[in-house]
Amino acid sequence: MAKKAPRRTAERILEVTLDLFNRFGEPNVSTTLISSELNISPGNLYYHYPAKDELVNALFTRYEAALYELLGAAPGVHDIEDAWFFMHSLFELVWQYRFLYRDLNDLLSKNRRLETHIKDALLHKTTAFRTLLDSLEHVGALEITVSQRESTATHMVVMLTWWLSYEYVRDPRHALEPASAQASLLRGAKHVLSLLLPYAAPEHKAHLEMLLAAY
């Protein structure tokens, strides 16, 4: 049986860095800790990523690609069940890269590239949520005006982007621990989906209420 090729060092570095950033927060993780966790020399780490910002940027590039792929599915949301699945997929990605959300303000204050790309990500999220709302309105699942669509899309983006910060404030010691992941994701998805409730068409409202009640 052929042996699997060893993972490239650069990929291993990103995997371990993501885990450390998620566990301890990006400001609390040094390159020395990362190299120690990987059992490699600091020089080996610097060869691949000469600065911590480059690690952050590389992880954000991965996140960004996954985010845009998910957001691209917005036109395919044709009913409440699709919206449920779409929202859960987004929150799972948020959890996978939760350090970006927990440490967002600190990261933006010192990383110009991230500042620019985060703004683009917010625009993409807003556009995707507008598309989702348009699609649901088109099939009769929602009864929503253009102005209501705009405000609701913005509210959905804000809640998605800052939900983990809210969870962290509620319970700083446990909110972002892996054991809390499922409950945190479910609460976030529930509250974003609940924004659709005032505009749900009568024949779809009961179904949405049933989904929300199941959380």
Protein backbone atom coordinates (compact mmCIF):
# COMPACT_ATOMS: atom_id res chain seq x y z
CA MET A 1 0.00 0.00 0.00
CA ALA A 2 1.47 3.34 -1.07
CA LYS A 3 2.14 5.82 1.69
CA LYS A 4 0.34 9.13 1.64
CA ALA A 5 2.50 12.08 0.68
CA PRO A 6 3.29 14.24 3.72
CA ARG A 7 1.34 17.47 3.95
CA ARG A 8 3.23 20.48 2.81
CA THR A 9 4.72 22.47 5.69
CA ALA A 10 2.93 25.68 4.66
CA GLU A 11 -0.45 23.94 4.86
CA ARG A 12 0.36 22.41 8.23
CA ILE A 13 1.38 25.83 9.52
CA LEU A 14 -1.97 27.32 8.51
CA GLU A 15 -3.96 24.48 10.05
CA VAL A 16 -2.17 24.74 13.39
CA THR A 17 -2.29 28.55 13.34
CA LEU A 18 -6.04 28.52 12.72
CA ASP A 19 -6.55 26.17 15.65
CA LEU A 20 -4.42 28.33 17.96
CA PHE A 21 -6.06 31.58 16.83
CA ASN A 22 -9.50 30.06 17.40
CA ARG A 23 -8.58 28.69 20.83
CA PHE A 24 -6.69 31.63 22.29
CA GLY A 25 -7.42 34.63 20.06
CA GLU A 26 -5.03 36.02 17.46
CA PRO A 27 -3.52 38.73 19.75
CA ASN A 28 -2.55 36.05 22.29
CA VAL A 29 -0.74 33.75 19.83
CA SER A 30 2.89 34.48 18.97
CA THR A 31 4.91 33.06 16.11
CA THR A 32 7.08 31.43 18.77
CA LEU A 33 4.06 29.54 20.08
CA ILE A 34 3.07 28.51 16.56
CA SER A 35 6.53 27.15 15.73
CA SER A 36 6.67 25.36 19.11
CA GLU A 37 3.26 23.77 18.52
CA LEU A 38 4.45 22.57 15.10
CA ASN A 39 7.79 21.42 16.47
CA ILE A 40 9.64 23.42 13.83
CA SER A 41 12.23 26.17 14.13
CA PRO A 42 11.15 29.82 14.02
CA GLY A 43 13.31 30.14 10.92
CA ASN A 44 11.29 27.45 9.16
CA LEU A 45 8.08 29.29 10.03
CA TYR A 46 9.48 32.63 8.84
CA TYR A 47 10.60 31.02 5.58
CA HIS A 48 6.95 30.33 4.73
CA TYR A 49 5.32 33.27 6.55
CA PRO A 50 7.78 36.08 7.43
CA ALA A 51 5.23 37.91 9.62
CA LYS A 52 2.14 37.06 11.63
CA ASP A 53 0.04 39.32 9.41
CA GLU A 54 0.90 37.03 6.50
CA LEU A 55 -0.55 34.10 8.44
CA VAL A 56 -3.71 36.10 9.09
CA ASN A 57 -3.95 37.10 5.44
CA ALA A 58 -3.43 33.54 4.21
CA LEU A 59 -6.16 32.26 6.52
CA PHE A 60 -8.47 35.06 5.44
CA THR A 61 -7.86 34.17 1.79
CA ARG A 62 -9.06 30.63 2.54
CA TYR A 63 -12.06 31.94 4.44
CA GLU A 64 -12.88 34.43 1.69
CA ALA A 65 -12.86 31.74 -1.01
CA ALA A 66 -15.17 29.50 1.03
CA LEU A 67 -17.45 32.44 1.88
CA TYR A 68 -17.86 33.56 -1.72
CA GLU A 69 -18.59 30.01 -2.81
CA LEU A 70 -21.37 29.78 -0.21
CA LEU A 71 -22.76 33.22 -1.02
CA GLY A 72 -22.89 32.21 -4.67
CA ALA A 73 -25.61 29.72 -3.74
CA ALA A 74 -28.03 32.52 -2.73
CA PRO A 75 -29.92 32.52 -6.09
CA GLY A 76 -30.73 28.85 -5.49
CA VAL A 77 -32.68 29.57 -2.29
CA HIS A 78 -36.26 28.90 -3.34
CA ASP A 79 -38.04 28.07 -0.09
CA ILE A 80 -37.78 28.26 3.69
CA GLU A 81 -35.89 24.95 3.89
CA ASP A 82 -33.27 26.26 1.46
CA ALA A 83 -32.91 29.42 3.55
CA TRP A 84 -32.43 27.30 6.68
CA PHE A 85 -29.67 25.26 5.05
CA PHE A 86 -28.02 28.36 3.56
CA MET A 87 -27.94 30.10 6.95
CA HIS A 88 -26.55 27.09 8.76
CA SER A 89 -23.79 26.70 6.17
CA LEU A 90 -22.77 30.33 6.70
CA PHE A 91 -22.70 29.98 10.47
CA GLU A 92 -20.61 26.81 10.21
CA LEU A 93 -18.05 28.77 8.20
CA VAL A 94 -18.13 31.59 10.76
CA TRP A 95 -17.38 29.03 13.46
CA GLN A 96 -14.55 27.48 11.44
CA TYR A 97 -12.83 30.89 11.27
CA ARG A 98 -14.21 32.30 14.48
CA PHE A 99 -11.03 34.19 15.41
CA LEU A 100 -11.75 36.57 12.53
CA TYR A 101 -15.07 37.46 14.12
CA ARG A 102 -13.99 37.52 17.76
CA ASP A 103 -10.84 39.58 17.08
CA LEU A 104 -12.21 41.60 14.16
CA ASN A 105 -11.74 45.12 15.56
CA ASP A 106 -8.20 44.40 16.70
CA LEU A 107 -7.27 42.82 13.37
CA LEU A 108 -8.69 45.72 11.37
CA SER A 109 -6.75 48.27 13.41
CA LYS A 110 -3.40 46.84 12.31
CA ASN A 111 -3.94 45.09 8.97
CA ARG A 112 -4.69 47.33 6.00
CA ARG A 113 -5.19 44.46 3.55
CA LEU A 114 -7.71 42.83 5.85
CA GLU A 115 -9.53 46.14 6.27
CA THR A 116 -10.10 46.36 2.53
CA HIS A 117 -11.13 42.73 2.09
CA ILE A 118 -13.51 42.74 5.06
CA LYS A 119 -15.38 45.66 3.49
CA ASP A 120 -15.68 43.67 0.26
CA ALA A 121 -16.92 40.66 2.20
CA LEU A 122 -19.63 42.75 3.86
CA LEU A 123 -20.78 43.98 0.45
CA HIS A 124 -20.88 40.43 -0.89
CA LYS A 125 -22.90 39.29 2.13
CA THR A 126 -25.37 42.12 1.69
CA THR A 127 -25.77 41.38 -2.02
CA ALA A 128 -26.28 37.69 -1.32
CA PHE A 129 -28.95 38.36 1.29
CA ARG A 130 -30.75 40.74 -1.06
CA THR A 131 -30.70 37.99 -3.67
CA LEU A 132 -32.02 35.47 -1.16
CA LEU A 133 -34.88 37.78 -0.18
CA ASP A 134 -35.66 38.54 -3.83
CA SER A 135 -35.72 34.84 -4.63
CA LEU A 136 -38.06 34.04 -1.74
CA GLU A 137 -40.30 36.95 -2.71
CA HIS A 138 -40.35 35.78 -6.33
CA VAL A 139 -41.62 32.29 -5.40
CA GLY A 140 -44.21 33.74 -3.02
CA ALA A 141 -42.58 32.69 0.24
CA LEU A 142 -42.14 36.30 1.33
CA GLU A 143 -44.20 39.45 0.95
CA ILE A 144 -41.59 42.19 1.19
CA THR A 145 -41.08 45.64 -0.31
CA VAL A 146 -37.83 46.94 -1.76
CA SER A 147 -37.14 49.15 1.27
CA GLN A 148 -37.93 46.29 3.66
CA ARG A 149 -35.61 44.05 1.66
CA GLU A 150 -32.75 46.54 2.00
CA SER A 151 -33.10 46.96 5.75
CA THR A 152 -33.61 43.24 6.35
CA ALA A 153 -30.53 42.32 4.28
CA THR A 154 -28.47 44.76 6.35
CA HIS A 155 -29.84 43.37 9.62
CA MET A 156 -29.01 39.83 8.48
CA VAL A 157 -25.43 40.81 7.66
CA VAL A 158 -24.94 42.57 10.98
CA MET A 159 -26.30 39.62 12.93
CA LEU A 160 -24.25 37.07 11.00
CA THR A 161 -21.04 39.08 11.32
CA TRP A 162 -21.28 40.03 14.99
CA TRP A 163 -23.21 37.11 16.45
CA LEU A 164 -20.13 35.46 17.94
CA SER A 165 -19.13 38.74 19.59
CA TYR A 166 -22.54 38.79 21.26
CA GLU A 167 -22.11 35.17 22.37
CA TYR A 168 -18.67 35.97 23.73
CA VAL A 169 -19.92 38.91 25.78
CA ARG A 170 -22.70 36.75 27.22
CA ASP A 171 -20.28 34.04 28.36
CA PRO A 172 -16.61 34.97 27.86
CA ARG A 173 -15.25 31.82 29.50
CA HIS A 174 -17.19 29.27 27.48
CA ALA A 175 -18.93 30.83 24.47
CA LEU A 176 -16.23 30.04 21.90
CA GLU A 177 -15.25 26.63 23.21
CA PRO A 178 -15.83 23.68 20.84
CA ALA A 179 -18.37 22.21 23.26
CA SER A 180 -20.49 25.32 22.84
CA ALA A 181 -20.30 25.36 19.05
CA GLN A 182 -23.57 23.68 18.16
CA ALA A 183 -25.71 25.72 20.54
CA SER A 184 -24.05 28.96 19.44
CA LEU A 185 -24.53 28.19 15.74
CA LEU A 186 -28.16 27.22 16.25
CA ARG A 187 -28.95 30.38 18.18
CA GLY A 188 -27.33 32.54 15.53
CA ALA A 189 -29.11 30.82 12.65
CA LYS A 190 -32.42 31.01 14.50
CA HIS A 191 -32.19 34.74 15.09
CA VAL A 192 -31.19 35.52 11.51
CA LEU A 193 -34.00 33.35 10.14
CA SER A 194 -36.46 34.99 12.53
CA LEU A 195 -35.90 38.25 10.63
CA LEU A 196 -37.92 36.68 7.80
CA LEU A 197 -40.94 36.02 10.00
CA PRO A 198 -42.70 39.43 9.64
CA TYR A 199 -42.64 39.06 5.86
CA ALA A 200 -43.46 35.37 5.48
CA ALA A 201 -46.49 34.70 3.32
CA PRO A 202 -49.35 33.08 5.28
CA GLU A 203 -48.88 29.66 3.69
CA HIS A 204 -45.16 29.69 4.55
CA LYS A 205 -45.26 31.38 7.94
CA ALA A 206 -46.38 28.29 9.83
CA HIS A 207 -43.50 26.29 8.36
CA LEU A 208 -40.99 28.97 9.36
CA GLU A 209 -42.46 29.14 12.86
CA MET A 210 -42.16 25.35 13.14
CA LEU A 211 -38.47 25.48 12.15
CA LEU A 212 -37.76 28.27 14.63
CA ALA A 213 -39.60 26.45 17.42
CA ALA A 214 -37.40 23.38 16.87
CA TYR A 215 -34.23 25.23 17.97
